[in-house]
Amino acid sequence: MNSSRVWELLRALDGVADETSVGRLGDSLAAEEERELGEAVRDLVDGLLERCHVTHDHWGEVSEAVAAAVLARGRDTYERVHTTGGVLDPDDWAWQEADALLALGEPAEGTGPFVLQWLTEDLPAGVRSAWRTDHPPLDDDPSWGVVPAADPAWDSACETLLVDPGVAHARRSIGEAHGTSYDRVAVWLTLSDTAEPTITVWADGAEDDDPSGGDAGDSGDDGDDGDGEVVLVGTYPAADLRDVDVRDRTAAYVEIVAGLLQVVDEDG
C-alpha cells in the first residue's frame, strides 16, 4: 500500500484514533487492505519513535499510543513532528484509546484454542509481532496476556490442527485429567531467543508439576464444575524457524503443537 493511500484512509479518523473511529475504518476495508494499512501504521509509529521519545512511559505502551495519536492527526502533523523530533508530551495528544490503531489488521487477541507469540524482533519474512525489545519481561503465565503475532503459516497450521483427530484426542484427554472440557484446553506456542524448548502447563486447580519439570500454574479455582481452563505453554527456539519458508513453517507449527499435546497427555 503506497503512502498516499495510507494517508487517504487515515483521514477517516477525523484526527482522533479510538475504538469507534478505528472500528469504523476497519469495517470499511477488505481484510487484506486492513492488514496492509495496519502494517503501514505500525511502520509509521516505529519511524516516529526513532525520532521522538515520550516524557514518561508505562510498560512501553504509552509511547506507541502517543505516536498513534500523532498519526491520527494527519500527514502534515505527523511529518512536522517527525521532522522536529525530540520530546512528545502525552498531555498534548489524545492517546488514551489510540492503541486501537496499533491493533488494526491484527488477529483478535487469544482467539481459538491455538495462540502464537513471537517474542523477538528478529522475525521471518511475512511474520508480524507486537513484541518490542523494551517490552516488559514476561514469564510464561498466560495471565500476562497475549503479545499478538500473525503469520499466514500459523493460520494454515491451525486449520490442520483443528481437524487432526490425534490433537482432538489429546485435548480431550488432558481436559478430563484436569476436570474440564475439551474446549477449555489451549496451546500457546511462543517463539523466543531461548536455547532449549520448554513446556509449562497452567491449569485452574492444578496440583501437579508439569511434565517438563516446570511448575504448573494454579489460579485457585478447583475446576470441579468443568469451567476450568488448561493452557499448555510451549516455548521454542525462534532460531529454528527463522529461516524457514511458509510451507515448511506451517508443517513445523503443526508438528510442534501436536507434540506438545502428546507429551502432556502421555505424562498425565
C-alpha atoms as a PDB file:
ATOM      1  CA  MET A   1       0.000   0.000   0.000  1.00  0.00           C
ATOM      2  CA  ASN A   2       1.531   3.295  -1.060  1.00  0.00           C
ATOM      3  CA  SER A   3       1.920   6.307   1.209  1.00  0.00           C
ATOM      4  CA  SER A   4      -0.799   8.374  -0.461  1.00  0.00           C
ATOM      5  CA  ARG A   5      -3.360   5.613   0.047  1.00  0.00           C
ATOM      6  CA  VAL A   6      -2.343   5.205   3.695  1.00  0.00           C
ATOM      7  CA  TRP A   7      -2.904   8.869   4.483  1.00  0.00           C
ATOM      8  CA  GLU A   8      -6.109   8.947   2.453  1.00  0.00           C
ATOM      9  CA  LEU A   9      -7.521   6.151   4.615  1.00  0.00           C
ATOM     10  CA  LEU A  10      -6.299   7.680   7.875  1.00  0.00           C
ATOM     11  CA  ARG A  11      -8.210  10.888   7.123  1.00  0.00           C
ATOM     12  CA  ALA A  12     -11.348   8.918   8.031  1.00  0.00           C
ATOM     13  CA  LEU A  13     -10.234   9.079  11.692  1.00  0.00           C
ATOM     14  CA  ASP A  14     -11.011  12.823  11.761  1.00  0.00           C
ATOM     15  CA  GLY A  15      -7.988  13.469  13.933  1.00  0.00           C
ATOM     16  CA  VAL A  16      -8.737  11.028  16.764  1.00  0.00           C
ATOM     17  CA  ALA A  17      -7.911   7.321  16.984  1.00  0.00           C
ATOM     18  CA  ASP A  18     -10.181   5.422  19.371  1.00  0.00           C
ATOM     19  CA  GLU A  19     -12.193   2.207  19.305  1.00  0.00           C
ATOM     20  CA  THR A  20     -15.079   3.894  17.494  1.00  0.00           C
ATOM     21  CA  SER A  21     -13.127   5.643  14.745  1.00  0.00           C
ATOM     22  CA  VAL A  22     -10.700   2.762  14.200  1.00  0.00           C
ATOM     23  CA  GLY A  23     -13.539   0.239  14.214  1.00  0.00           C
ATOM     24  CA  ARG A  24     -15.399   2.260  11.607  1.00  0.00           C
ATOM     25  CA  LEU A  25     -12.265   2.471   9.461  1.00  0.00           C
ATOM     26  CA  GLY A  26     -11.580  -1.257   9.759  1.00  0.00           C
ATOM     27  CA  ASP A  27     -15.153  -2.145   8.867  1.00  0.00           C
ATOM     28  CA  SER A  28     -14.859  -0.129   5.647  1.00  0.00           C
ATOM     29  CA  LEU A  29     -11.885  -2.169   4.380  1.00  0.00           C
ATOM     30  CA  ALA A  30     -11.420  -5.603   2.906  1.00  0.00           C
ATOM     31  CA  ALA A  31      -9.349  -7.900   5.130  1.00  0.00           C
ATOM     32  CA  GLU A  32      -6.210  -7.657   3.004  1.00  0.00           C
ATOM     33  CA  GLU A  33      -6.337  -3.856   2.795  1.00  0.00           C
ATOM     34  CA  GLU A  34      -6.919  -3.624   6.551  1.00  0.00           C
ATOM     35  CA  ARG A  35      -3.869  -5.823   7.123  1.00  0.00           C
ATOM     36  CA  GLU A  36      -1.739  -3.688   4.796  1.00  0.00           C
ATOM     37  CA  LEU A  37      -2.905  -0.479   6.458  1.00  0.00           C
ATOM     38  CA  GLY A  38      -2.146  -1.938   9.887  1.00  0.00           C
ATOM     39  CA  GLU A  39       1.395  -2.772   8.775  1.00  0.00           C
ATOM     40  CA  ALA A  40       1.861   0.755   7.403  1.00  0.00           C
ATOM     41  CA  VAL A  41       0.560   2.288  10.647  1.00  0.00           C
ATOM     42  CA  ARG A  42       2.987   0.279  12.755  1.00  0.00           C
ATOM     43  CA  ASP A  43       5.872   1.224  10.462  1.00  0.00           C
ATOM     44  CA  LEU A  44       4.962   4.921  10.782  1.00  0.00           C
ATOM     45  CA  VAL A  45       4.717   4.622  14.567  1.00  0.00           C
ATOM     46  CA  ASP A  46       8.129   2.945  14.712  1.00  0.00           C
ATOM     47  CA  GLY A  47       9.570   5.647  12.457  1.00  0.00           C
ATOM     48  CA  LEU A  48       8.246   8.394  14.704  1.00  0.00           C
ATOM     49  CA  LEU A  49       9.608   6.779  17.863  1.00  0.00           C
ATOM     50  CA  GLU A  50      13.045   6.583  16.277  1.00  0.00           C
ATOM     51  CA  ARG A  51      12.989  10.409  16.175  1.00  0.00           C
ATOM     52  CA  CYS A  52      10.979  11.184  19.317  1.00  0.00           C
ATOM     53  CA  HIS A  53      10.617   9.949  22.858  1.00  0.00           C
ATOM     54  CA  VAL A  54       7.784  10.319  25.334  1.00  0.00           C
ATOM     55  CA  THR A  55       8.243  12.228  28.577  1.00  0.00           C
ATOM     56  CA  HIS A  56       7.086   9.275  30.643  1.00  0.00           C
ATOM     57  CA  ASP A  57       6.355   5.669  29.829  1.00  0.00           C
ATOM     58  CA  HIS A  58       4.193   2.884  31.246  1.00  0.00           C
ATOM     59  CA  TRP A  59       5.480  -0.557  30.267  1.00  0.00           C
ATOM     60  CA  GLY A  60       6.271   0.746  26.769  1.00  0.00           C
ATOM     61  CA  GLU A  61       2.595   1.163  25.875  1.00  0.00           C
ATOM     62  CA  VAL A  62       2.198   4.925  26.275  1.00  0.00           C
ATOM     63  CA  SER A  63       4.958   5.695  23.756  1.00  0.00           C
ATOM     64  CA  GLU A  64       3.268   3.765  20.962  1.00  0.00           C
ATOM     65  CA  ALA A  65      -0.195   5.091  21.840  1.00  0.00           C
ATOM     66  CA  VAL A  66       1.074   8.688  21.781  1.00  0.00           C
ATOM     67  CA  ALA A  67       2.751   8.066  18.426  1.00  0.00           C
ATOM     68  CA  ALA A  68      -0.501   6.592  17.095  1.00  0.00           C
ATOM     69  CA  ALA A  69      -2.371   9.697  18.302  1.00  0.00           C
ATOM     70  CA  VAL A  70       0.070  11.870  16.355  1.00  0.00           C
ATOM     71  CA  LEU A  71      -0.574   9.716  13.296  1.00  0.00           C
ATOM     72  CA  ALA A  72      -4.334  10.173  13.645  1.00  0.00           C
ATOM     73  CA  ARG A  73      -3.933  13.942  13.377  1.00  0.00           C
ATOM     74  CA  GLY A  74      -2.934  13.570   9.730  1.00  0.00           C
ATOM     75  CA  ARG A  75       0.039  13.671   7.430  1.00  0.00           C
ATOM     76  CA  ASP A  76       1.025  17.305   7.921  1.00  0.00           C
ATOM     77  CA  THR A  77       1.110  16.964  11.700  1.00  0.00           C
ATOM     78  CA  TYR A  78       2.947  13.651  11.574  1.00  0.00           C
ATOM     79  CA  GLU A  79       5.616  14.944   9.195  1.00  0.00           C
ATOM     80  CA  ARG A  80       6.103  18.135  11.241  1.00  0.00           C
ATOM     81  CA  VAL A  81       6.558  16.174  14.467  1.00  0.00           C
ATOM     82  CA  HIS A  82       8.799  13.641  12.765  1.00  0.00           C
ATOM     83  CA  THR A  83      10.997  16.384  11.321  1.00  0.00           C
ATOM     84  CA  THR A  84      11.235  18.241  14.637  1.00  0.00           C
ATOM     85  CA  GLY A  85      11.997  15.158  16.727  1.00  0.00           C
ATOM     86  CA  GLY A  86      12.637  15.424  20.459  1.00  0.00           C
ATOM     87  CA  VAL A  87      10.100  15.040  23.243  1.00  0.00           C
ATOM     88  CA  LEU A  88       6.421  14.144  22.927  1.00  0.00           C
ATOM     89  CA  ASP A  89       4.279  15.179  25.891  1.00  0.00           C
ATOM     90  CA  PRO A  90       1.329  12.760  26.305  1.00  0.00           C
ATOM     91  CA  ASP A  91      -0.774  15.660  27.601  1.00  0.00           C
ATOM     92  CA  ASP A  92      -0.657  17.193  24.109  1.00  0.00           C
ATOM     93  CA  TRP A  93      -2.224  14.183  22.384  1.00  0.00           C
ATOM     94  CA  ALA A  94      -5.444  12.142  22.663  1.00  0.00           C
ATOM     95  CA  TRP A  95      -3.557   8.895  23.248  1.00  0.00           C
ATOM     96  CA  GLN A  96      -5.709   7.086  25.839  1.00  0.00           C
ATOM     97  CA  GLU A  97      -7.527   4.936  23.267  1.00  0.00           C
ATOM     98  CA  ALA A  98      -5.134   5.384  20.363  1.00  0.00           C
ATOM     99  CA  ASP A  99      -3.654   1.930  20.847  1.00  0.00           C
ATOM    100  CA  ALA A 100      -6.751   0.738  18.970  1.00  0.00           C
ATOM    101  CA  LEU A 101      -4.993   1.996  15.841  1.00  0.00           C
ATOM    102  CA  LEU A 102      -1.989  -0.224  16.585  1.00  0.00           C
ATOM    103  CA  ALA A 103      -4.231  -3.296  16.528  1.00  0.00           C
ATOM    104  CA  LEU A 104      -5.645  -2.534  13.077  1.00  0.00           C
ATOM    105  CA  GLY A 105      -5.406  -5.637  10.905  1.00  0.00           C
ATOM    106  CA  GLU A 106      -4.099  -7.781  13.760  1.00  0.00           C
ATOM    107  CA  PRO A 107      -5.798 -11.039  14.734  1.00  0.00           C
ATOM    108  CA  ALA A 108      -8.090 -10.857  17.734  1.00  0.00           C
ATOM    109  CA  GLU A 109      -6.183 -11.498  20.928  1.00  0.00           C
ATOM    110  CA  GLY A 110      -6.301 -15.014  22.268  1.00  0.00           C
ATOM    111  CA  THR A 111      -8.940 -16.331  19.856  1.00  0.00           C
ATOM    112  CA  GLY A 112      -9.277 -20.058  19.342  1.00  0.00           C
ATOM    113  CA  PRO A 113      -7.519 -22.905  21.126  1.00  0.00           C
ATOM    114  CA  PHE A 114      -4.141 -22.217  19.486  1.00  0.00           C
ATOM    115  CA  VAL A 115      -2.216 -18.990  20.120  1.00  0.00           C
ATOM    116  CA  LEU A 116       1.027 -17.847  18.528  1.00  0.00           C
ATOM    117  CA  GLN A 117       3.543 -15.453  20.039  1.00  0.00           C
ATOM    118  CA  TRP A 118       6.869 -14.334  18.559  1.00  0.00           C
ATOM    119  CA  LEU A 119       8.738 -12.688  21.440  1.00  0.00           C
ATOM    120  CA  THR A 120      11.610 -11.417  19.340  1.00  0.00           C
ATOM    121  CA  GLU A 121      12.087  -8.606  16.842  1.00  0.00           C
ATOM    122  CA  ASP A 122      14.138 -10.800  14.503  1.00  0.00           C
ATOM    123  CA  LEU A 123      11.162 -12.216  12.594  1.00  0.00           C
ATOM    124  CA  PRO A 124      10.866 -14.395   9.494  1.00  0.00           C
ATOM    125  CA  ALA A 125       9.600 -12.702   6.343  1.00  0.00           C
ATOM    126  CA  GLY A 126       5.833 -12.322   6.493  1.00  0.00           C
ATOM    127  CA  VAL A 127       5.574 -12.651  10.290  1.00  0.00           C
ATOM    128  CA  ARG A 128       4.380  -9.731  12.421  1.00  0.00           C
ATOM    129  CA  SER A 129       4.563  -9.312  16.180  1.00  0.00           C
ATOM    130  CA  ALA A 130       3.720  -6.619  18.701  1.00  0.00           C
ATOM    131  CA  TRP A 131       6.826  -7.590  20.690  1.00  0.00           C
ATOM    132  CA  ARG A 132       9.475  -4.877  21.103  1.00  0.00           C
ATOM    133  CA  THR A 133      12.837  -5.024  22.862  1.00  0.00           C
ATOM    134  CA  ASP A 134      11.565  -2.588  25.500  1.00  0.00           C
ATOM    135  CA  HIS A 135       8.536  -4.770  26.269  1.00  0.00           C
ATOM    136  CA  PRO A 136       8.289  -5.622  29.974  1.00  0.00           C
ATOM    137  CA  PRO A 137       9.767  -9.000  30.924  1.00  0.00           C
ATOM    138  CA  LEU A 138       7.249 -11.842  30.801  1.00  0.00           C
ATOM    139  CA  ASP A 139       7.221 -15.282  32.294  1.00  0.00           C
ATOM    140  CA  ASP A 140       5.091 -17.927  30.603  1.00  0.00           C
ATOM    141  CA  ASP A 141       1.990 -17.345  32.758  1.00  0.00           C
ATOM    142  CA  PRO A 142      -0.958 -16.810  30.344  1.00  0.00           C
ATOM    143  CA  SER A 143      -2.485 -14.325  32.786  1.00  0.00           C
ATOM    144  CA  TRP A 144       0.026 -11.789  31.466  1.00  0.00           C
ATOM    145  CA  GLY A 145      -1.981 -11.807  28.244  1.00  0.00           C
ATOM    146  CA  VAL A 146      -1.135 -12.412  24.608  1.00  0.00           C
ATOM    147  CA  VAL A 147       1.521 -10.474  22.715  1.00  0.00           C
ATOM    148  CA  PRO A 148      -0.234 -10.520  19.316  1.00  0.00           C
ATOM    149  CA  ALA A 149       1.560 -12.122  16.375  1.00  0.00           C
ATOM    150  CA  ALA A 150       0.419 -13.018  12.883  1.00  0.00           C
ATOM    151  CA  ASP A 151       1.771 -15.460  10.326  1.00  0.00           C
ATOM    152  CA  PRO A 152      -0.013 -16.947   7.289  1.00  0.00           C
ATOM    153  CA  ALA A 153       1.778 -20.207   8.084  1.00  0.00           C
ATOM    154  CA  TRP A 154       0.183 -20.250  11.542  1.00  0.00           C
ATOM    155  CA  ASP A 155      -3.280 -19.713  10.047  1.00  0.00           C
ATOM    156  CA  SER A 156      -2.756 -22.740   7.820  1.00  0.00           C
ATOM    157  CA  ALA A 157      -1.365 -24.776  10.702  1.00  0.00           C
ATOM    158  CA  CYS A 158      -4.420 -24.007  12.853  1.00  0.00           C
ATOM    159  CA  GLU A 159      -6.735 -25.218  10.092  1.00  0.00           C
ATOM    160  CA  THR A 160      -4.897 -28.540  10.148  1.00  0.00           C
ATOM    161  CA  LEU A 161      -4.734 -28.774  13.945  1.00  0.00           C
ATOM    162  CA  LEU A 162      -8.474 -28.159  14.335  1.00  0.00           C
ATOM    163  CA  VAL A 163      -9.333 -31.261  12.299  1.00  0.00           C
ATOM    164  CA  ASP A 164      -6.496 -33.527  13.434  1.00  0.00           C
ATOM    165  CA  PRO A 165      -8.029 -36.472  15.354  1.00  0.00           C
ATOM    166  CA  GLY A 166      -4.851 -37.037  17.368  1.00  0.00           C
ATOM    167  CA  VAL A 167      -4.829 -33.406  18.502  1.00  0.00           C
ATOM    168  CA  ALA A 168      -8.525 -33.613  19.402  1.00  0.00           C
ATOM    169  CA  HIS A 169      -7.962 -36.818  21.394  1.00  0.00           C
ATOM    170  CA  ALA A 170      -5.056 -35.310  23.330  1.00  0.00           C
ATOM    171  CA  ARG A 171      -7.011 -32.143  24.174  1.00  0.00           C
ATOM    172  CA  ARG A 172      -9.957 -34.221  25.361  1.00  0.00           C
ATOM    173  CA  SER A 173      -7.742 -36.479  27.455  1.00  0.00           C
ATOM    174  CA  ILE A 174      -5.881 -33.550  29.027  1.00  0.00           C
ATOM    175  CA  GLY A 175      -9.164 -31.824  29.785  1.00  0.00           C
ATOM    176  CA  GLU A 176     -10.528 -34.923  31.515  1.00  0.00           C
ATOM    177  CA  ALA A 177      -7.350 -35.233  33.588  1.00  0.00           C
ATOM    178  CA  HIS A 178      -7.907 -31.701  34.892  1.00  0.00           C
ATOM    179  CA  GLY A 179     -11.658 -31.967  35.348  1.00  0.00           C
ATOM    180  CA  THR A 180     -12.574 -29.710  32.480  1.00  0.00           C
ATOM    181  CA  SER A 181     -13.901 -29.957  28.944  1.00  0.00           C
ATOM    182  CA  TYR A 182     -12.195 -30.405  25.587  1.00  0.00           C
ATOM    183  CA  ASP A 183     -12.824 -26.805  24.521  1.00  0.00           C
ATOM    184  CA  ARG A 184     -11.115 -25.430  27.648  1.00  0.00           C
ATOM    185  CA  VAL A 185      -7.719 -26.847  26.643  1.00  0.00           C
ATOM    186  CA  ALA A 186      -5.496 -24.460  24.682  1.00  0.00           C
ATOM    187  CA  VAL A 187      -1.942 -24.370  23.399  1.00  0.00           C
ATOM    188  CA  TRP A 188       0.136 -21.204  23.353  1.00  0.00           C
ATOM    189  CA  LEU A 189       3.235 -21.541  21.198  1.00  0.00           C
ATOM    190  CA  THR A 190       5.898 -18.956  21.990  1.00  0.00           C
ATOM    191  CA  LEU A 191       8.922 -18.450  19.764  1.00  0.00           C
ATOM    192  CA  SER A 192      11.731 -16.656  21.551  1.00  0.00           C
ATOM    193  CA  ASP A 193      15.502 -16.430  21.721  1.00  0.00           C
ATOM    194  CA  THR A 194      15.638 -19.312  24.167  1.00  0.00           C
ATOM    195  CA  ALA A 195      18.191 -22.051  23.569  1.00  0.00           C
ATOM    196  CA  GLU A 196      16.032 -25.015  24.603  1.00  0.00           C
ATOM    197  CA  PRO A 197      12.311 -25.803  24.243  1.00  0.00           C
ATOM    198  CA  THR A 198      10.233 -25.968  27.423  1.00  0.00           C
ATOM    199  CA  ILE A 199       6.644 -26.886  28.297  1.00  0.00           C
ATOM    200  CA  THR A 200       4.630 -25.447  31.160  1.00  0.00           C
ATOM    201  CA  VAL A 201       1.067 -26.451  31.998  1.00  0.00           C
ATOM    202  CA  TRP A 202      -1.163 -23.795  33.543  1.00  0.00           C
ATOM    203  CA  ALA A 203      -4.421 -25.173  34.881  1.00  0.00           C
ATOM    204  CA  ASP A 204      -7.173 -23.973  37.197  1.00  0.00           C
ATOM    205  CA  GLY A 205      -6.820 -26.014  40.371  1.00  0.00           C
ATOM    206  CA  ALA A 206      -3.789 -27.976  39.116  1.00  0.00           C
ATOM    207  CA  GLU A 207      -1.750 -29.606  41.894  1.00  0.00           C
ATOM    208  CA  ASP A 208       0.912 -31.473  39.949  1.00  0.00           C
ATOM    209  CA  ASP A 209       4.057 -30.208  38.325  1.00  0.00           C
ATOM    210  CA  ASP A 210       4.103 -30.046  34.562  1.00  0.00           C
ATOM    211  CA  PRO A 211       5.810 -32.884  32.627  1.00  0.00           C
ATOM    212  CA  SER A 212       8.814 -30.779  31.609  1.00  0.00           C
ATOM    213  CA  GLY A 213       9.766 -30.023  35.191  1.00  0.00           C
ATOM    214  CA  GLY A 214       8.323 -26.508  35.368  1.00  0.00           C
ATOM    215  CA  ASP A 215       5.679 -25.594  37.913  1.00  0.00           C
ATOM    216  CA  ALA A 216       2.049 -25.890  36.924  1.00  0.00           C
ATOM    217  CA  GLY A 217       0.004 -22.745  37.319  1.00  0.00           C
ATOM    218  CA  ASP A 218      -2.824 -22.526  39.806  1.00  0.00           C
ATOM    219  CA  SER A 219      -5.450 -19.819  39.671  1.00  0.00           C
ATOM    220  CA  GLY A 220      -7.153 -21.039  42.815  1.00  0.00           C
ATOM    221  CA  ASP A 221     -10.293 -22.448  41.129  1.00  0.00           C
ATOM    222  CA  ASP A 222     -10.992 -26.095  41.986  1.00  0.00           C
ATOM    223  CA  GLY A 223     -12.164 -26.780  38.415  1.00  0.00           C
ATOM    224  CA  ASP A 224     -14.814 -29.258  39.559  1.00  0.00           C
ATOM    225  CA  ASP A 225     -17.600 -27.590  37.618  1.00  0.00           C
ATOM    226  CA  GLY A 226     -15.878 -28.184  34.275  1.00  0.00           C
ATOM    227  CA  ASP A 227     -15.251 -24.482  33.723  1.00  0.00           C
ATOM    228  CA  GLY A 228     -11.546 -24.616  34.481  1.00  0.00           C
ATOM    229  CA  GLU A 229      -9.018 -23.801  31.801  1.00  0.00           C
ATOM    230  CA  VAL A 230      -5.833 -25.627  30.882  1.00  0.00           C
ATOM    231  CA  VAL A 231      -3.181 -23.791  28.876  1.00  0.00           C
ATOM    232  CA  LEU A 232      -0.099 -25.575  27.590  1.00  0.00           C
ATOM    233  CA  VAL A 233       2.631 -23.014  27.014  1.00  0.00           C
ATOM    234  CA  GLY A 234       5.410 -24.243  24.777  1.00  0.00           C
ATOM    235  CA  THR A 235       8.476 -22.033  24.434  1.00  0.00           C
ATOM    236  CA  TYR A 236      10.525 -22.902  21.381  1.00  0.00           C
ATOM    237  CA  PRO A 237      13.779 -21.524  19.900  1.00  0.00           C
ATOM    238  CA  ALA A 238      12.915 -18.879  17.311  1.00  0.00           C
ATOM    239  CA  ALA A 239      16.200 -19.605  15.530  1.00  0.00           C
ATOM    240  CA  ASP A 240      14.855 -22.994  14.429  1.00  0.00           C
ATOM    241  CA  LEU A 241      12.034 -21.374  12.412  1.00  0.00           C
ATOM    242  CA  ARG A 242      13.575 -18.043  11.484  1.00  0.00           C
ATOM    243  CA  ASP A 243      14.900 -19.069   8.069  1.00  0.00           C
ATOM    244  CA  VAL A 244      12.101 -21.490   7.195  1.00  0.00           C
ATOM    245  CA  ASP A 245       9.696 -20.739   4.337  1.00  0.00           C
ATOM    246  CA  VAL A 246       5.929 -20.552   4.795  1.00  0.00           C
ATOM    247  CA  ARG A 247       5.151 -24.118   3.740  1.00  0.00           C
ATOM    248  CA  ASP A 248       7.790 -25.688   5.962  1.00  0.00           C
ATOM    249  CA  ARG A 249       6.934 -23.334   8.820  1.00  0.00           C
ATOM    250  CA  THR A 250       3.304 -24.484   8.598  1.00  0.00           C
ATOM    251  CA  ALA A 251       4.412 -28.099   8.931  1.00  0.00           C
ATOM    252  CA  ALA A 252       6.738 -27.196  11.804  1.00  0.00           C
ATOM    253  CA  TYR A 253       3.961 -25.401  13.700  1.00  0.00           C
ATOM    254  CA  VAL A 254       1.689 -28.452  13.353  1.00  0.00           C
ATOM    255  CA  GLU A 255       4.422 -30.823  14.484  1.00  0.00           C
ATOM    256  CA  ILE A 256       5.384 -28.695  17.494  1.00  0.00           C
ATOM    257  CA  VAL A 257       1.833 -28.125  18.759  1.00  0.00           C
ATOM    258  CA  ALA A 258       0.814 -31.752  18.243  1.00  0.00           C
ATOM    259  CA  GLY A 259       3.998 -32.827  20.001  1.00  0.00           C
ATOM    260  CA  LEU A 260       3.330 -30.576  22.992  1.00  0.00           C
ATOM    261  CA  LEU A 261      -0.127 -32.071  23.400  1.00  0.00           C
ATOM    262  CA  GLN A 262       1.173 -35.613  23.064  1.00  0.00           C
ATOM    263  CA  VAL A 263       3.897 -35.115  25.693  1.00  0.00           C
ATOM    264  CA  VAL A 264       1.476 -33.609  28.215  1.00  0.00           C
ATOM    265  CA  ASP A 265      -1.169 -36.270  27.522  1.00  0.00           C
ATOM    266  CA  GLU A 266       1.264 -39.175  27.867  1.00  0.00           C
ATOM    267  CA  ASP A 267       2.754 -37.819  31.099  1.00  0.00           C
ATOM    268  CA  GLY A 268      -0.723 -37.406  32.573  1.00  0.00           C
END
